[in-house]
């Protein structure tokens, strides 16, 4: 099962709402994109966990060998991560280590979003 789609020239128009959550590897890569967001979160996961997830996904869903996964990881994935993905965390309001396992971090995010929404309600009044 593929859980992503890449179609050039296909855009989904989003109507303004009180809260819009946008996720993706390159969502805050450029300054122009970063300027569109009120609150930016970088979800960090340990390198070993990222590799384990990749191995599990690529062997089960894509039928790849562990050897081919590790070669690709060493040659392309890890260097690209260090160059393009990881530096994005320095532009975020919050870095969430350990992703969804970090209950304290998740509660901080929920609190921050609730505060942003409350400020928006006051501004409209």
PDB file of N, CA and C in Angstrom:
ATOM      1  N   UNK A   1       0.840  -1.179   0.000  1.00  0.00           N
ATOM      2  CA  UNK A   1       0.000   0.000   0.000  1.00  0.00           C
ATOM      3  C   UNK A   1       0.887   1.245   0.000  1.00  0.00           C
ATOM      4  N   UNK A   2       0.653   2.137  -0.924  1.00  0.00           N
ATOM      5  CA  UNK A   2       1.405   3.387  -1.003  1.00  0.00           C
ATOM      6  C   UNK A   2       0.603   4.462  -0.297  1.00  0.00           C
ATOM      7  N   UNK A   3       1.257   5.219   0.578  1.00  0.00           N
ATOM      8  CA  UNK A   3       0.549   6.235   1.357  1.00  0.00           C
ATOM      9  C   UNK A   3       0.911   7.647   0.932  1.00  0.00           C
ATOM     10  N   UNK A   4       1.520   7.789  -0.228  1.00  0.00           N
ATOM     11  CA  UNK A   4       1.887   9.115  -0.705  1.00  0.00           C
ATOM     12  C   UNK A   4       1.560   9.215  -2.188  1.00  0.00           C
ATOM     13  N   UNK A   5       1.452  10.450  -2.670  1.00  0.00           N
ATOM     14  CA  UNK A   5       1.213  10.683  -4.094  1.00  0.00           C
ATOM     15  C   UNK A   5       2.031  11.881  -4.524  1.00  0.00           C
ATOM     16  N   UNK A   6       2.653  11.764  -5.671  1.00  0.00           N
ATOM     17  CA  UNK A   6       3.412  12.879  -6.232  1.00  0.00           C
ATOM     18  C   UNK A   6       2.883  13.133  -7.633  1.00  0.00           C
ATOM     19  N   UNK A   7       2.122  14.186  -7.784  1.00  0.00           N
ATOM     20  CA  UNK A   7       1.590  14.531  -9.090  1.00  0.00           C
ATOM     21  C   UNK A   7       1.982  15.964  -9.401  1.00  0.00           C
ATOM     22  N   UNK A   8       2.799  16.140 -10.420  1.00  0.00           N
ATOM     23  CA  UNK A   8       3.235  17.480 -10.790  1.00  0.00           C
ATOM     24  C   UNK A   8       2.052  18.283 -11.301  1.00  0.00           C
ATOM     25  N   UNK A   9       1.984  19.527 -10.839  1.00  0.00           N
ATOM     26  CA  UNK A   9       0.947  20.427 -11.316  1.00  0.00           C
ATOM     27  C   UNK A   9      -0.416  20.209 -10.691  1.00  0.00           C
ATOM     28  N   UNK A  10      -0.529  19.303  -9.739  1.00  0.00           N
ATOM     29  CA  UNK A  10      -1.795  19.054  -9.060  1.00  0.00           C
ATOM     30  C   UNK A  10      -1.734  19.716  -7.688  1.00  0.00           C
ATOM     31  N   UNK A  11      -2.677  20.619  -7.438  1.00  0.00           N
ATOM     32  CA  UNK A  11      -2.694  21.345  -6.178  1.00  0.00           C
ATOM     33  C   UNK A  11      -4.064  21.196  -5.531  1.00  0.00           C
ATOM     34  N   UNK A  12      -4.083  21.138  -4.225  1.00  0.00           N
ATOM     35  CA  UNK A  12      -5.328  21.127  -3.474  1.00  0.00           C
ATOM     36  C   UNK A  12      -5.508  22.497  -2.850  1.00  0.00           C
ATOM     37  N   UNK A  13      -6.565  23.184  -3.242  1.00  0.00           N
ATOM     38  CA  UNK A  13      -6.825  24.504  -2.678  1.00  0.00           C
ATOM     39  C   UNK A  13      -7.406  24.328  -1.285  1.00  0.00           C
ATOM     40  N   UNK A  14      -6.904  25.111  -0.344  1.00  0.00           N
ATOM     41  CA  UNK A  14      -7.341  25.023   1.040  1.00  0.00           C
ATOM     42  C   UNK A  14      -8.010  26.336   1.413  1.00  0.00           C
ATOM     43  N   UNK A  15      -9.235  26.236   1.901  1.00  0.00           N
ATOM     44  CA  UNK A  15      -9.955  27.428   2.347  1.00  0.00           C
ATOM     45  C   UNK A  15      -9.444  27.833   3.726  1.00  0.00           C
ATOM     46  N   UNK A  16      -9.443  29.135   4.023  1.00  0.00           N
ATOM     47  CA  UNK A  16      -8.979  29.588   5.343  1.00  0.00           C
ATOM     48  C   UNK A  16      -9.818  28.977   6.468  1.00  0.00           C
ATOM     49  N   UNK A  17      -9.152  28.517   7.483  1.00  0.00           N
ATOM     50  CA  UNK A  17      -9.787  27.950   8.676  1.00  0.00           C
ATOM     51  C   UNK A  17      -9.049  28.492   9.891  1.00  0.00           C
ATOM     52  N   UNK A  18      -9.605  28.226  11.067  1.00  0.00           N
ATOM     53  CA  UNK A  18      -8.924  28.641  12.292  1.00  0.00           C
ATOM     54  C   UNK A  18      -7.610  27.892  12.469  1.00  0.00           C
ATOM     55  N   UNK A  19      -7.589  26.641  12.033  1.00  0.00           N
ATOM     56  CA  UNK A  19      -6.392  25.826  12.190  1.00  0.00           C
ATOM     57  C   UNK A  19      -6.212  24.955  10.950  1.00  0.00           C
ATOM     58  N   UNK A  20      -5.051  25.052  10.353  1.00  0.00           N
ATOM     59  CA  UNK A  20      -4.689  24.188   9.230  1.00  0.00           C
ATOM     60  C   UNK A  20      -3.360  23.543   9.590  1.00  0.00           C
ATOM     61  N   UNK A  21      -3.321  22.220   9.578  1.00  0.00           N
ATOM     62  CA  UNK A  21      -2.099  21.486   9.880  1.00  0.00           C
ATOM     63  C   UNK A  21      -1.506  21.013   8.553  1.00  0.00           C
ATOM     64  N   UNK A  22      -0.257  21.350   8.338  1.00  0.00           N
ATOM     65  CA  UNK A  22       0.444  20.962   7.118  1.00  0.00           C
ATOM     66  C   UNK A  22       1.667  20.157   7.539  1.00  0.00           C
ATOM     67  N   UNK A  23       1.870  19.006   6.903  1.00  0.00           N
ATOM     68  CA  UNK A  23       3.031  18.196   7.258  1.00  0.00           C
ATOM     69  C   UNK A  23       3.737  17.739   5.997  1.00  0.00           C
ATOM     70  N   UNK A  24       5.009  17.482   6.152  1.00  0.00           N
ATOM     71  CA  UNK A  24       5.800  17.005   5.035  1.00  0.00           C
ATOM     72  C   UNK A  24       7.272  17.294   5.261  1.00  0.00           C
ATOM     73  N   UNK A  25       8.109  16.611   4.520  1.00  0.00           N
ATOM     74  CA  UNK A  25       9.552  16.746   4.714  1.00  0.00           C
ATOM     75  C   UNK A  25      10.089  18.123   4.345  1.00  0.00           C
ATOM     76  N   UNK A  26       9.508  18.758   3.332  1.00  0.00           N
ATOM     77  CA  UNK A  26      10.057  20.026   2.847  1.00  0.00           C
ATOM     78  C   UNK A  26       9.102  21.202   3.052  1.00  0.00           C
ATOM     79  N   UNK A  27       8.157  21.058   3.961  1.00  0.00           N
ATOM     80  CA  UNK A  27       7.142  22.087   4.160  1.00  0.00           C
ATOM     81  C   UNK A  27       7.749  23.424   4.572  1.00  0.00           C
ATOM     82  N   UNK A  28       8.806  23.422   5.342  1.00  0.00           N
ATOM     83  CA  UNK A  28       9.414  24.690   5.788  1.00  0.00           C
ATOM     84  C   UNK A  28      10.829  24.851   5.251  1.00  0.00           C
ATOM     85  N   UNK A  29      11.089  24.240   4.112  1.00  0.00           N
ATOM     86  CA  UNK A  29      12.434  24.280   3.540  1.00  0.00           C
ATOM     87  C   UNK A  29      12.833  25.682   3.087  1.00  0.00           C
ATOM     88  N   UNK A  30      11.915  26.421   2.489  1.00  0.00           N
ATOM     89  CA  UNK A  30      12.253  27.761   1.992  1.00  0.00           C
ATOM     90  C   UNK A  30      11.693  28.838   2.912  1.00  0.00           C
ATOM     91  N   UNK A  31      12.338  29.988   2.912  1.00  0.00           N
ATOM     92  CA  UNK A  31      11.883  31.109   3.738  1.00  0.00           C
ATOM     93  C   UNK A  31      10.473  31.532   3.345  1.00  0.00           C
ATOM     94  N   UNK A  32      10.169  31.481   2.064  1.00  0.00           N
ATOM     95  CA  UNK A  32       8.836  31.874   1.590  1.00  0.00           C
ATOM     96  C   UNK A  32       7.763  30.977   2.206  1.00  0.00           C
ATOM     97  N   UNK A  33       8.015  29.677   2.233  1.00  0.00           N
ATOM     98  CA  UNK A  33       7.056  28.761   2.856  1.00  0.00           C
ATOM     99  C   UNK A  33       6.991  28.971   4.365  1.00  0.00           C
ATOM    100  N   UNK A  34       8.140  29.118   4.997  1.00  0.00           N
ATOM    101  CA  UNK A  34       8.164  29.305   6.457  1.00  0.00           C
ATOM    102  C   UNK A  34       7.343  30.510   6.880  1.00  0.00           C
ATOM    103  N   UNK A  35       7.349  31.549   6.065  1.00  0.00           N
ATOM    104  CA  UNK A  35       6.640  32.781   6.423  1.00  0.00           C
ATOM    105  C   UNK A  35       5.122  32.603   6.433  1.00  0.00           C
ATOM    106  N   UNK A  36       4.626  31.527   5.871  1.00  0.00           N
ATOM    107  CA  UNK A  36       3.184  31.294   5.804  1.00  0.00           C
ATOM    108  C   UNK A  36       2.609  30.702   7.089  1.00  0.00           C
ATOM    109  N   UNK A  37       3.464  30.233   7.973  1.00  0.00           N
ATOM    110  CA  UNK A  37       2.997  29.510   9.150  1.00  0.00           C
ATOM    111  C   UNK A  37       3.166  30.323  10.427  1.00  0.00           C
ATOM    112  N   UNK A  38       2.166  30.214  11.313  1.00  0.00           N
ATOM    113  CA  UNK A  38       2.227  30.886  12.609  1.00  0.00           C
ATOM    114  C   UNK A  38       3.025  30.079  13.625  1.00  0.00           C
ATOM    115  N   UNK A  39       3.011  28.771  13.478  1.00  0.00           N
ATOM    116  CA  UNK A  39       3.647  27.899  14.466  1.00  0.00           C
ATOM    117  C   UNK A  39       4.230  26.700  13.734  1.00  0.00           C
ATOM    118  N   UNK A  40       5.518  26.473  13.923  1.00  0.00           N
ATOM    119  CA  UNK A  40       6.210  25.402  13.206  1.00  0.00           C
ATOM    120  C   UNK A  40       6.795  24.404  14.199  1.00  0.00           C
ATOM    121  N   UNK A  41       6.545  23.125  13.942  1.00  0.00           N
ATOM    122  CA  UNK A  41       7.030  22.048  14.799  1.00  0.00           C
ATOM    123  C   UNK A  41       7.883  21.106  13.958  1.00  0.00           C
ATOM    124  N   UNK A  42       9.032  20.754  14.481  1.00  0.00           N
ATOM    125  CA  UNK A  42       9.903  19.756  13.851  1.00  0.00           C
ATOM    126  C   UNK A  42       9.792  18.493  14.688  1.00  0.00           C
ATOM    127  N   UNK A  43       9.291  17.423  14.098  1.00  0.00           N
ATOM    128  CA  UNK A  43       9.163  16.151  14.805  1.00  0.00           C
ATOM    129  C   UNK A  43      10.439  15.358  14.541  1.00  0.00           C
ATOM    130  N   UNK A  44      11.208  15.158  15.592  1.00  0.00           N
ATOM    131  CA  UNK A  44      12.509  14.503  15.478  1.00  0.00           C
ATOM    132  C   UNK A  44      12.399  13.056  15.948  1.00  0.00           C
ATOM    133  N   UNK A  45      13.106  12.196  15.284  1.00  0.00           N
ATOM    134  CA  UNK A  45      13.173  10.788  15.682  1.00  0.00           C
ATOM    135  C   UNK A  45      14.635  10.371  15.623  1.00  0.00           C
ATOM    136  N   UNK A  46      15.056   9.492  16.514  1.00  0.00           N
ATOM    137  CA  UNK A  46      16.445   9.031  16.496  1.00  0.00           C
ATOM    138  C   UNK A  46      16.779   8.351  15.163  1.00  0.00           C
ATOM    139  N   UNK A  47      18.032   8.472  14.749  1.00  0.00           N
ATOM    140  CA  UNK A  47      18.472   7.915  13.471  1.00  0.00           C
ATOM    141  C   UNK A  47      18.207   6.416  13.379  1.00  0.00           C
ATOM    142  N   UNK A  48      18.445   5.691  14.467  1.00  0.00           N
ATOM    143  CA  UNK A  48      18.220   4.244  14.407  1.00  0.00           C
ATOM    144  C   UNK A  48      16.743   3.930  14.201  1.00  0.00           C
ATOM    145  N   UNK A  49      15.869   4.707  14.807  1.00  0.00           N
ATOM    146  CA  UNK A  49      14.431   4.495  14.629  1.00  0.00           C
ATOM    147  C   UNK A  49      14.000   4.796  13.191  1.00  0.00           C
ATOM    148  N   UNK A  50      14.553   5.849  12.617  1.00  0.00           N
ATOM    149  CA  UNK A  50      14.237   6.177  11.215  1.00  0.00           C
ATOM    150  C   UNK A  50      14.672   5.039  10.287  1.00  0.00           C
ATOM    151  N   UNK A  51      15.854   4.493  10.535  1.00  0.00           N
ATOM    152  CA  UNK A  51      16.353   3.396   9.705  1.00  0.00           C
ATOM    153  C   UNK A  51      15.498   2.143   9.878  1.00  0.00           C
ATOM    154  N   UNK A  52      15.140   1.822  11.096  1.00  0.00           N
ATOM    155  CA  UNK A  52      14.296   0.646  11.350  1.00  0.00           C
ATOM    156  C   UNK A  52      12.961   0.783  10.619  1.00  0.00           C
ATOM    157  N   UNK A  53      12.335   1.954  10.715  1.00  0.00           N
ATOM    158  CA  UNK A  53      11.055   2.174  10.021  1.00  0.00           C
ATOM    159  C   UNK A  53      11.216   1.997   8.514  1.00  0.00           C
ATOM    160  N   UNK A  54      12.300   2.526   7.966  1.00  0.00           N
ATOM    161  CA  UNK A  54      12.556   2.415   6.522  1.00  0.00           C
ATOM    162  C   UNK A  54      12.722   0.949   6.120  1.00  0.00           C
ATOM    163  N   UNK A  55      13.494   0.200   6.905  1.00  0.00           N
ATOM    164  CA  UNK A  55      13.702  -1.219   6.599  1.00  0.00           C
ATOM    165  C   UNK A  55      12.374  -1.972   6.647  1.00  0.00           C
ATOM    166  N   UNK A  56      11.595  -1.735   7.701  1.00  0.00           N
ATOM    167  CA  UNK A  56      10.307  -2.425   7.822  1.00  0.00           C
ATOM    168  C   UNK A  56       9.388  -2.083   6.653  1.00  0.00           C
ATOM    169  N   UNK A  57       9.287  -0.798   6.327  1.00  0.00           N
ATOM    170  CA  UNK A  57       8.413  -0.370   5.233  1.00  0.00           C
ATOM    171  C   UNK A  57       8.885  -0.922   3.891  1.00  0.00           C
ATOM    172  N   UNK A  58      10.157  -0.740   3.589  1.00  0.00           N
ATOM    173  CA  UNK A  58      10.650  -1.109   2.260  1.00  0.00           C
ATOM    174  C   UNK A  58      10.696  -2.619   2.032  1.00  0.00           C
ATOM    175  N   UNK A  59      10.920  -3.403   3.082  1.00  0.00           N
ATOM    176  CA  UNK A  59      10.894  -4.860   2.893  1.00  0.00           C
ATOM    177  C   UNK A  59       9.457  -5.353   2.738  1.00  0.00           C
ATOM    178  N   UNK A  60       8.541  -4.845   3.552  1.00  0.00           N
ATOM    179  CA  UNK A  60       7.153  -5.317   3.518  1.00  0.00           C
ATOM    180  C   UNK A  60       6.369  -4.743   2.342  1.00  0.00           C
ATOM    181  N   UNK A  61       6.443  -3.438   2.150  1.00  0.00           N
ATOM    182  CA  UNK A  61       5.576  -2.784   1.171  1.00  0.00           C
ATOM    183  C   UNK A  61       6.190  -2.675  -0.217  1.00  0.00           C
ATOM    184  N   UNK A  62       7.507  -2.696  -0.299  1.00  0.00           N
ATOM    185  CA  UNK A  62       8.153  -2.488  -1.594  1.00  0.00           C
ATOM    186  C   UNK A  62       8.981  -3.680  -2.053  1.00  0.00           C
ATOM    187  N   UNK A  63       9.048  -4.710  -1.211  1.00  0.00           N
ATOM    188  CA  UNK A  63       9.740  -5.934  -1.592  1.00  0.00           C
ATOM    189  C   UNK A  63      11.240  -5.785  -1.791  1.00  0.00           C
ATOM    190  N   UNK A  64      11.847  -4.824  -1.123  1.00  0.00           N
ATOM    191  CA  UNK A  64      13.281  -4.578  -1.299  1.00  0.00           C
ATOM    192  C   UNK A  64      14.094  -5.421  -0.326  1.00  0.00           C
ATOM    193  N   UNK A  65      15.339  -5.663  -0.695  1.00  0.00           N
ATOM    194  CA  UNK A  65      16.245  -6.403   0.190  1.00  0.00           C
ATOM    195  C   UNK A  65      16.861  -5.435   1.198  1.00  0.00           C
ATOM    196  N   UNK A  66      17.265  -5.975   2.326  1.00  0.00           N
ATOM    197  CA  UNK A  66      17.908  -5.143   3.348  1.00  0.00           C
ATOM    198  C   UNK A  66      19.192  -4.541   2.803  1.00  0.00           C
ATOM    199  N   UNK A  67      19.933  -5.319   2.019  1.00  0.00           N
ATOM    200  CA  UNK A  67      21.175  -4.817   1.427  1.00  0.00           C
ATOM    201  C   UNK A  67      20.920  -3.582   0.558  1.00  0.00           C
ATOM    202  N   UNK A  68      19.893  -3.619  -0.284  1.00  0.00           N
ATOM    203  CA  UNK A  68      19.613  -2.465  -1.155  1.00  0.00           C
ATOM    204  C   UNK A  68      19.137  -1.263  -0.345  1.00  0.00           C
ATOM    205  N   UNK A  69      18.392  -1.527   0.709  1.00  0.00           N
ATOM    206  CA  UNK A  69      17.913  -0.438   1.571  1.00  0.00           C
ATOM    207  C   UNK A  69      19.093   0.242   2.255  1.00  0.00           C
ATOM    208  N   UNK A  70      20.017  -0.552   2.794  1.00  0.00           N
ATOM    209  CA  UNK A  70      21.175   0.015   3.489  1.00  0.00           C
ATOM    210  C   UNK A  70      22.093   0.773   2.541  1.00  0.00           C
ATOM    211  N   UNK A  71      22.284   0.255   1.325  1.00  0.00           N
ATOM    212  CA  UNK A  71      23.104   0.973   0.342  1.00  0.00           C
ATOM    213  C   UNK A  71      22.495   2.334   0.024  1.00  0.00           C
ATOM    214  N   UNK A  72      21.190   2.343  -0.229  1.00  0.00           N
ATOM    215  CA  UNK A  72      20.512   3.603  -0.534  1.00  0.00           C
ATOM    216  C   UNK A  72      20.574   4.551   0.662  1.00  0.00           C
ATOM    217  N   UNK A  73      20.381   4.004   1.852  1.00  0.00           N
ATOM    218  CA  UNK A  73      20.398   4.821   3.066  1.00  0.00           C
ATOM    219  C   UNK A  73      21.758   5.502   3.241  1.00  0.00           C
ATOM    220  N   UNK A  74      22.827   4.728   3.102  1.00  0.00           N
ATOM    221  CA  UNK A  74      24.177   5.284   3.281  1.00  0.00           C
ATOM    222  C   UNK A  74      24.533   6.302   2.203  1.00  0.00           C
ATOM    223  N   UNK A  75      24.172   5.991   0.969  1.00  0.00           N
ATOM    224  CA  UNK A  75      24.599   6.825  -0.154  1.00  0.00           C
ATOM    225  C   UNK A  75      23.735   8.072  -0.346  1.00  0.00           C
ATOM    226  N   UNK A  76      22.430   7.951  -0.141  1.00  0.00           N
ATOM    227  CA  UNK A  76      21.531   9.059  -0.452  1.00  0.00           C
ATOM    228  C   UNK A  76      20.739   9.580   0.745  1.00  0.00           C
ATOM    229  N   UNK A  77      20.086   8.681   1.460  1.00  0.00           N
ATOM    230  CA  UNK A  77      19.126   9.093   2.480  1.00  0.00           C
ATOM    231  C   UNK A  77      19.793   9.836   3.632  1.00  0.00           C
ATOM    232  N   UNK A  78      20.795   9.239   4.264  1.00  0.00           N
ATOM    233  CA  UNK A  78      21.443   9.884   5.415  1.00  0.00           C
ATOM    234  C   UNK A  78      22.102  11.211   5.039  1.00  0.00           C
ATOM    235  N   UNK A  79      22.886  11.286   3.950  1.00  0.00           N
ATOM    236  CA  UNK A  79      23.476  12.583   3.585  1.00  0.00           C
ATOM    237  C   UNK A  79      22.421  13.637   3.234  1.00  0.00           C
ATOM    238  N   UNK A  80      21.369  13.230   2.541  1.00  0.00           N
ATOM    239  CA  UNK A  80      20.304  14.181   2.190  1.00  0.00           C
ATOM    240  C   UNK A  80      19.574  14.662   3.430  1.00  0.00           C
ATOM    241  N   UNK A  81      19.361  13.760   4.370  1.00  0.00           N
ATOM    242  CA  UNK A  81      18.716  14.144   5.623  1.00  0.00           C
ATOM    243  C   UNK A  81      19.534  15.227   6.324  1.00  0.00           C
ATOM    244  N   UNK A  82      20.843  14.997   6.437  1.00  0.00           N
ATOM    245  CA  UNK A  82      21.710  15.971   7.120  1.00  0.00           C
ATOM    246  C   UNK A  82      21.754  17.310   6.387  1.00  0.00           C
ATOM    247  N   UNK A  83      21.687  17.279   5.068  1.00  0.00           N
ATOM    248  CA  UNK A  83      21.794  18.500   4.271  1.00  0.00           C
ATOM    249  C   UNK A  83      20.484  19.271   4.180  1.00  0.00           C
ATOM    250  N   UNK A  84      19.376  18.573   3.967  1.00  0.00           N
ATOM    251  CA  UNK A  84      18.123  19.250   3.646  1.00  0.00           C
ATOM    252  C   UNK A  84      17.060  19.204   4.736  1.00  0.00           C
ATOM    253  N   UNK A  85      16.946  18.112   5.446  1.00  0.00           N
ATOM    254  CA  UNK A  85      15.842  17.936   6.388  1.00  0.00           C
ATOM    255  C   UNK A  85      16.194  18.433   7.784  1.00  0.00           C
ATOM    256  N   UNK A  86      17.266  17.923   8.353  1.00  0.00           N
ATOM    257  CA  UNK A  86      17.615  18.266   9.733  1.00  0.00           C
ATOM    258  C   UNK A  86      17.791  19.769   9.967  1.00  0.00           C
ATOM    259  N   UNK A  87      18.406  20.526   9.059  1.00  0.00           N
ATOM    260  CA  UNK A  87      18.568  21.965   9.308  1.00  0.00           C
ATOM    261  C   UNK A  87      17.250  22.730   9.449  1.00  0.00           C
ATOM    262  N   UNK A  88      16.154  22.149   8.972  1.00  0.00           N
ATOM    263  CA  UNK A  88      14.869  22.828   9.092  1.00  0.00           C
ATOM    264  C   UNK A  88      14.440  23.006  10.547  1.00  0.00           C
ATOM    265  N   UNK A  89      14.961  22.176  11.431  1.00  0.00           N
ATOM    266  CA  UNK A  89      14.549  22.277  12.832  1.00  0.00           C
ATOM    267  C   UNK A  89      14.934  23.618  13.451  1.00  0.00           C
ATOM    268  N   UNK A  90      15.957  24.262  12.907  1.00  0.00           N
ATOM    269  CA  UNK A  90      16.407  25.537  13.463  1.00  0.00           C
ATOM    270  C   UNK A  90      15.468  26.687  13.121  1.00  0.00           C
ATOM    271  N   UNK A  91      14.514  26.446  12.240  1.00  0.00           N
ATOM    272  CA  UNK A  91      13.527  27.461  11.878  1.00  0.00           C
ATOM    273  C   UNK A  91      12.196  27.240  12.589  1.00  0.00           C
ATOM    274  N   UNK A  92      12.135  26.252  13.461  1.00  0.00           N
ATOM    275  CA  UNK A  92      10.877  25.882  14.102  1.00  0.00           C
ATOM    276  C   UNK A  92      10.722  26.529  15.471  1.00  0.00           C
ATOM    277  N   UNK A  93       9.471  26.650  15.867  1.00  0.00           N
ATOM    278  CA  UNK A  93       9.162  27.173  17.196  1.00  0.00           C
ATOM    279  C   UNK A  93       9.364  26.102  18.260  1.00  0.00           C
ATOM    280  N   UNK A  94       9.229  24.853  17.850  1.00  0.00           N
ATOM    281  CA  UNK A  94       9.354  23.752  18.797  1.00  0.00           C
ATOM    282  C   UNK A  94       9.939  22.539  18.082  1.00  0.00           C
ATOM    283  N   UNK A  95      10.909  21.904  18.720  1.00  0.00           N
ATOM    284  CA  UNK A  95      11.447  20.635  18.230  1.00  0.00           C
ATOM    285  C   UNK A  95      10.929  19.557  19.170  1.00  0.00           C
ATOM    286  N   UNK A  96      10.230  18.585  18.606  1.00  0.00           N
ATOM    287  CA  UNK A  96       9.630  17.515  19.396  1.00  0.00           C
ATOM    288  C   UNK A  96      10.478  16.256  19.267  1.00  0.00           C
ATOM    289  N   UNK A  97      11.354  16.002  20.261  1.00  0.00           N
ATOM    290  CA  UNK A  97      12.150  14.777  20.200  1.00  0.00           C
ATOM    291  C   UNK A  97      11.276  13.556  20.488  1.00  0.00           C
ATOM    292  N   UNK A  98      11.605  12.456  19.860  1.00  0.00           N
ATOM    293  CA  UNK A  98      10.913  11.174  20.038  1.00  0.00           C
ATOM    294  C   UNK A  98       9.490  11.183  19.492  1.00  0.00           C
ATOM    295  N   UNK A  99       9.140  12.145  18.677  1.00  0.00           N
ATOM    296  CA  UNK A  99       7.857  12.154  17.973  1.00  0.00           C
ATOM    297  C   UNK A  99       6.655  11.933  18.858  1.00  0.00           C
ATOM    298  N   UNK A 100       5.737  11.082  18.398  1.00  0.00           N
ATOM    299  CA  UNK A 100       4.479  10.842  19.095  1.00  0.00           C
ATOM    300  C   UNK A 100       4.622  10.151  20.435  1.00  0.00           C
ATOM    301  N   UNK A 101       5.796   9.623  20.729  1.00  0.00           N
ATOM    302  CA  UNK A 101       6.033   8.986  22.030  1.00  0.00           C
ATOM    303  C   UNK A 101       6.259  10.018  23.127  1.00  0.00           C
ATOM    304  N   UNK A 102       6.502  11.249  22.740  1.00  0.00           N
ATOM    305  CA  UNK A 102       6.836  12.311  23.687  1.00  0.00           C
ATOM    306  C   UNK A 102       5.554  12.986  24.173  1.00  0.00           C
ATOM    307  N   UNK A 103       4.944  12.441  25.209  1.00  0.00           N
ATOM    308  CA  UNK A 103       3.655  12.938  25.705  1.00  0.00           C
ATOM    309  C   UNK A 103       3.760  14.361  26.250  1.00  0.00           C
ATOM    310  N   UNK A 104       4.840  14.684  26.926  1.00  0.00           N
ATOM    311  CA  UNK A 104       5.017  16.046  27.445  1.00  0.00           C
ATOM    312  C   UNK A 104       5.123  17.028  26.283  1.00  0.00           C
ATOM    313  N   UNK A 105       5.914  16.679  25.289  1.00  0.00           N
ATOM    314  CA  UNK A 105       6.054  17.536  24.113  1.00  0.00           C
ATOM    315  C   UNK A 105       4.738  17.725  23.383  1.00  0.00           C
ATOM    316  N   UNK A 106       3.962  16.653  23.260  1.00  0.00           N
ATOM    317  CA  UNK A 106       2.657  16.753  22.605  1.00  0.00           C
ATOM    318  C   UNK A 106       1.726  17.680  23.372  1.00  0.00           C
ATOM    319  N   UNK A 107       1.765  17.624  24.701  1.00  0.00           N
ATOM    320  CA  UNK A 107       0.908  18.520  25.487  1.00  0.00           C
ATOM    321  C   UNK A 107       1.335  19.975  25.316  1.00  0.00           C
ATOM    322  N   UNK A 108       2.626  20.225  25.137  1.00  0.00           N
ATOM    323  CA  UNK A 108       3.103  21.589  24.875  1.00  0.00           C
ATOM    324  C   UNK A 108       2.572  22.076  23.530  1.00  0.00           C
ATOM    325  N   UNK A 109       2.586  21.219  22.537  1.00  0.00           N
ATOM    326  CA  UNK A 109       2.063  21.588  21.218  1.00  0.00           C
ATOM    327  C   UNK A 109       0.568  21.893  21.304  1.00  0.00           C
ATOM    328  N   UNK A 110      -0.177  21.044  21.975  1.00  0.00           N
ATOM    329  CA  UNK A 110      -1.620  21.261  22.130  1.00  0.00           C
ATOM    330  C   UNK A 110      -1.875  22.592  22.814  1.00  0.00           C
ATOM    331  N   UNK A 111      -1.126  22.869  23.877  1.00  0.00           N
ATOM    332  CA  UNK A 111      -1.254  24.139  24.603  1.00  0.00           C
ATOM    333  C   UNK A 111      -0.968  25.328  23.695  1.00  0.00           C
ATOM    334  N   UNK A 112       0.096  25.243  22.924  1.00  0.00           N
ATOM    335  CA  UNK A 112       0.474  26.340  22.029  1.00  0.00           C
ATOM    336  C   UNK A 112      -0.604  26.576  20.977  1.00  0.00           C
ATOM    337  N   UNK A 113      -1.156  25.519  20.421  1.00  0.00           N
ATOM    338  CA  UNK A 113      -2.213  25.659  19.415  1.00  0.00           C
ATOM    339  C   UNK A 113      -3.463  26.269  20.035  1.00  0.00           C
ATOM    340  N   UNK A 114      -3.826  25.802  21.220  1.00  0.00           N
ATOM    341  CA  UNK A 114      -4.994  26.375  21.899  1.00  0.00           C
ATOM    342  C   UNK A 114      -4.799  27.865  22.149  1.00  0.00           C
ATOM    343  N   UNK A 115      -3.596  28.265  22.566  1.00  0.00           N
ATOM    344  CA  UNK A 115      -3.317  29.688  22.795  1.00  0.00           C
ATOM    345  C   UNK A 115      -3.391  30.493  21.506  1.00  0.00           C
ATOM    346  N   UNK A 116      -2.867  29.957  20.414  1.00  0.00           N
ATOM    347  CA  UNK A 116      -2.962  30.644  19.122  1.00  0.00           C
ATOM    348  C   UNK A 116      -4.416  30.819  18.703  1.00  0.00           C
ATOM    349  N   UNK A 117      -5.230  29.793  18.904  1.00  0.00           N
ATOM    350  CA  UNK A 117      -6.644  29.878  18.545  1.00  0.00           C
ATOM    351  C   UNK A 117      -7.371  30.896  19.416  1.00  0.00           C
ATOM    352  N   UNK A 118      -7.055  30.934  20.708  1.00  0.00           N
ATOM    353  CA  UNK A 118      -7.678  31.919  21.606  1.00  0.00           C
ATOM    354  C   UNK A 118      -7.309  33.331  21.205  1.00  0.00           C
ATOM    355  N   UNK A 119      -6.046  33.550  20.847  1.00  0.00           N
ATOM    356  CA  UNK A 119      -5.624  34.883  20.396  1.00  0.00           C
ATOM    357  C   UNK A 119      -6.383  35.291  19.151  1.00  0.00           C
ATOM    358  N   UNK A 120      -6.609  34.348  18.264  1.00  0.00           N
ATOM    359  CA  UNK A 120      -7.364  34.623  17.042  1.00  0.00           C
ATOM    360  C   UNK A 120      -8.799  34.996  17.331  1.00  0.00           C
ATOM    361  N   UNK A 121      -9.412  34.325  18.324  1.00  0.00           N
ATOM    362  CA  UNK A 121     -10.788  34.643  18.716  1.00  0.00           C
ATOM    363  C   UNK A 121     -10.870  36.050  19.276  1.00  0.00           C
ATOM    364  N   UNK A 122      -9.889  36.440  20.102  1.00  0.00           N
ATOM    365  CA  UNK A 122      -9.884  37.789  20.683  1.00  0.00           C
ATOM    366  C   UNK A 122      -9.696  38.849  19.612  1.00  0.00           C
ATOM    367  N   UNK A 123      -8.878  38.558  18.613  1.00  0.00           N
ATOM    368  CA  UNK A 123      -8.625  39.528  17.545  1.00  0.00           C
ATOM    369  C   UNK A 123      -9.879  39.752  16.706  1.00  0.00           C
ATOM    370  N   UNK A 124     -10.720  38.717  16.568  1.00  0.00           N
ATOM    371  CA  UNK A 124     -11.945  38.840  15.785  1.00  0.00           C
ATOM    372  C   UNK A 124     -13.024  39.589  16.536  1.00  0.00           C
ATOM    373  N   UNK A 125     -12.986  39.568  17.884  1.00  0.00           N
ATOM    374  CA  UNK A 125     -14.032  40.198  18.712  1.00  0.00           C
ATOM    375  C   UNK A 125     -14.001  41.696  18.640  1.00  0.00           C
TER     376      UNK A 125
END
